[in-house]
Amino acid sequence: MNNKFKFWIFLSLAGAFAAGALGGILAERNFIHPRQHTRAERGPNHPPDLEEMARELGLSPDQKEGIQQIFAKNDNRFKELYTEMHNRLSALRSEIKNQIDAVLTPEQRQKMEAIISKHGELRKKASEQKDKENERENSPDKPKGERE
């Protein structure tokens, strides 16, 4: 086989794998386990939540209620956008996978499925480990001064 052709096949596979991994991570964080990635856990680089805003800005109860209503009114718009993004990413991943499958032999397709499966299992284990660490960090048994 021509080396240039092998290079392009490899580059296509690597790109598809990277796109799938990125899409999977985004989908997991935003759709499968969205509550595990709340603003409080994100760190100082993200905007404050409503309680922190109220405290730092000295919001009146009416202002706080008004802002809460704004968030509630726009919540569906965010959910629709996330759903659209998820659907588009899923369609793109499927299209790329079908294109790659057309290039691979049946044996290579089986190996590729095994690689994807193994990667998914590793990602799941890493996510579970992170969840356990978060539970330990936020444990009520831990003294308040030690929690971050």
Protein backbone atom coordinates (compact mmCIF):
# COMPACT_ATOMS: atom_id res chain seq x y z
CA MET A 1 0.00 0.00 0.00
CA ASN A 2 1.16 3.50 -0.74
CA ASN A 3 2.62 5.24 2.35
CA LYS A 4 0.74 8.43 1.57
CA PHE A 5 -2.55 6.49 1.52
CA LYS A 6 -1.71 4.83 4.87
CA PHE A 7 -0.94 8.22 6.36
CA TRP A 8 -4.33 9.63 5.32
CA ILE A 9 -6.15 6.59 6.65
CA PHE A 10 -4.34 6.90 9.96
CA LEU A 11 -4.99 10.65 10.11
CA SER A 12 -8.69 10.10 9.36
CA LEU A 13 -8.98 7.45 12.06
CA ALA A 14 -7.16 9.60 14.60
CA GLY A 15 -9.38 12.60 13.77
CA ALA A 16 -12.54 10.54 14.02
CA PHE A 17 -11.44 9.02 17.31
CA ALA A 18 -10.58 12.45 18.73
CA ALA A 19 -13.92 13.90 17.57
CA GLY A 20 -15.77 10.96 19.13
CA ALA A 21 -13.89 11.26 22.39
CA LEU A 22 -14.51 15.00 22.59
CA GLY A 23 -18.17 14.56 21.73
CA GLY A 24 -18.49 11.82 24.31
CA ILE A 25 -16.93 13.94 27.01
CA LEU A 26 -19.17 16.89 26.19
CA ALA A 27 -22.26 14.68 26.11
CA GLU A 28 -21.35 13.02 29.41
CA ARG A 29 -20.75 16.32 31.17
CA ASN A 30 -23.82 18.06 29.77
CA PHE A 31 -26.43 15.36 29.33
CA ILE A 32 -25.63 12.14 31.17
CA HIS A 33 -24.32 13.55 34.46
CA PRO A 34 -25.03 17.30 34.34
CA ARG A 35 -25.62 17.73 38.08
CA GLN A 36 -22.14 16.49 38.90
CA HIS A 37 -20.63 19.52 37.20
CA THR A 38 -22.37 22.36 39.00
CA ARG A 39 -21.10 25.91 39.19
CA ALA A 40 -19.95 25.38 42.78
CA GLU A 41 -17.57 22.64 41.64
CA ARG A 42 -16.21 24.51 38.63
CA GLY A 43 -13.92 26.89 40.41
CA PRO A 44 -13.24 30.61 40.40
CA ASN A 45 -13.04 31.09 36.60
CA HIS A 46 -16.80 30.72 36.11
CA PRO A 47 -19.57 33.20 36.87
CA PRO A 48 -21.03 33.08 40.37
CA ASP A 49 -24.31 31.35 41.16
CA LEU A 50 -27.36 33.33 42.28
CA GLU A 51 -26.61 33.07 46.00
CA GLU A 52 -23.07 34.33 45.54
CA MET A 53 -24.31 37.15 43.28
CA ALA A 54 -26.91 38.15 45.87
CA ARG A 55 -24.30 38.17 48.62
CA GLU A 56 -21.61 40.08 46.68
CA LEU A 57 -23.95 42.58 45.01
CA GLY A 58 -26.21 43.08 48.00
CA LEU A 59 -29.31 42.20 46.00
CA SER A 60 -32.69 42.87 47.51
CA PRO A 61 -35.15 39.95 47.71
CA ASP A 62 -37.08 41.49 44.76
CA GLN A 63 -33.92 41.74 42.65
CA LYS A 64 -32.97 38.18 43.54
CA GLU A 65 -36.46 36.98 42.57
CA GLY A 66 -36.27 38.92 39.28
CA ILE A 67 -32.93 37.37 38.36
CA GLN A 68 -34.21 33.93 39.33
CA GLN A 69 -37.19 34.44 36.98
CA ILE A 70 -34.83 35.46 34.16
CA PHE A 71 -32.85 32.25 34.68
CA ALA A 72 -36.06 30.21 34.74
CA LYS A 73 -37.40 31.85 31.54
CA ASN A 74 -34.18 31.07 29.67
CA ASP A 75 -33.60 27.58 31.06
CA ASN A 76 -35.54 25.93 28.24
CA ARG A 77 -33.52 27.82 25.64
CA PHE A 78 -30.31 26.41 27.12
CA LYS A 79 -31.77 22.91 27.27
CA GLU A 80 -32.88 23.13 23.63
CA LEU A 81 -29.41 24.29 22.59
CA TYR A 82 -27.75 21.46 24.52
CA THR A 83 -30.14 18.94 22.96
CA GLU A 84 -29.49 20.31 19.47
CA MET A 85 -25.73 20.19 20.06
CA HIS A 86 -25.96 16.64 21.37
CA ASN A 87 -28.02 15.51 18.37
CA ARG A 88 -25.67 17.18 15.89
CA LEU A 89 -22.60 15.68 17.57
CA SER A 90 -24.21 12.23 17.57
CA ALA A 91 -25.07 12.51 13.89
CA LEU A 92 -21.55 13.67 13.05
CA ARG A 93 -19.97 10.84 15.06
CA SER A 94 -22.21 8.30 13.31
CA GLU A 95 -21.37 9.72 9.90
CA ILE A 96 -17.64 9.65 10.59
CA LYS A 97 -17.85 6.12 11.99
CA ASN A 98 -19.72 4.93 8.89
CA GLN A 99 -17.09 6.52 6.63
CA ILE A 100 -14.30 4.85 8.60
CA ASP A 101 -16.12 1.50 8.58
CA ALA A 102 -16.30 1.71 4.79
CA VAL A 103 -12.49 1.93 4.64
CA LEU A 104 -11.78 -0.85 7.16
CA THR A 105 -11.85 -4.58 6.63
CA PRO A 106 -14.30 -6.62 8.77
CA GLU A 107 -11.44 -7.68 11.08
CA GLN A 108 -10.27 -4.08 11.47
CA ARG A 109 -13.85 -2.99 12.24
CA GLN A 110 -14.02 -5.55 15.05
CA LYS A 111 -10.71 -4.32 16.45
CA MET A 112 -11.88 -0.71 16.20
CA GLU A 113 -15.10 -1.57 18.08
CA ALA A 114 -12.98 -3.21 20.79
CA ILE A 115 -10.79 -0.10 21.05
CA ILE A 116 -13.84 2.16 21.31
CA SER A 117 -15.41 -0.13 23.90
CA LYS A 118 -12.24 -0.22 25.97
CA HIS A 119 -11.93 3.56 25.80
CA GLY A 120 -15.56 3.92 26.97
CA GLU A 121 -14.93 1.62 29.92
CA LEU A 122 -11.80 3.55 30.92
CA ARG A 123 -13.70 6.83 30.68
CA LYS A 124 -16.51 5.40 32.80
CA LYS A 125 -14.06 4.19 35.47
CA ALA A 126 -12.32 7.57 35.52
CA SER A 127 -15.69 9.31 35.91
CA GLU A 128 -16.68 6.98 38.76
CA GLN A 129 -13.33 7.61 40.46
CA LYS A 130 -13.81 11.36 40.13
CA ASP A 131 -17.33 11.03 41.59
CA LYS A 132 -15.93 9.15 44.60
CA GLU A 133 -13.28 11.83 45.10
CA ASN A 134 -15.95 14.57 44.92
CA GLU A 135 -18.07 12.70 47.47
CA ARG A 136 -15.09 12.46 49.83
CA GLU A 137 -14.24 16.15 49.33
CA ASN A 138 -17.81 17.23 50.08
CA SER A 139 -18.39 14.71 52.85
CA PRO A 140 -20.29 16.09 55.85
CA ASP A 141 -17.89 14.12 58.07
CA LYS A 142 -15.00 16.26 56.88
CA PRO A 143 -14.40 19.35 59.05
CA LYS A 144 -15.71 22.50 57.40
CA GLY A 145 -12.25 24.12 57.33
CA GLU A 146 -10.87 21.24 55.26
CA ARG A 147 -13.56 21.45 52.56
CA GLU A 148 -12.83 23.68 49.58
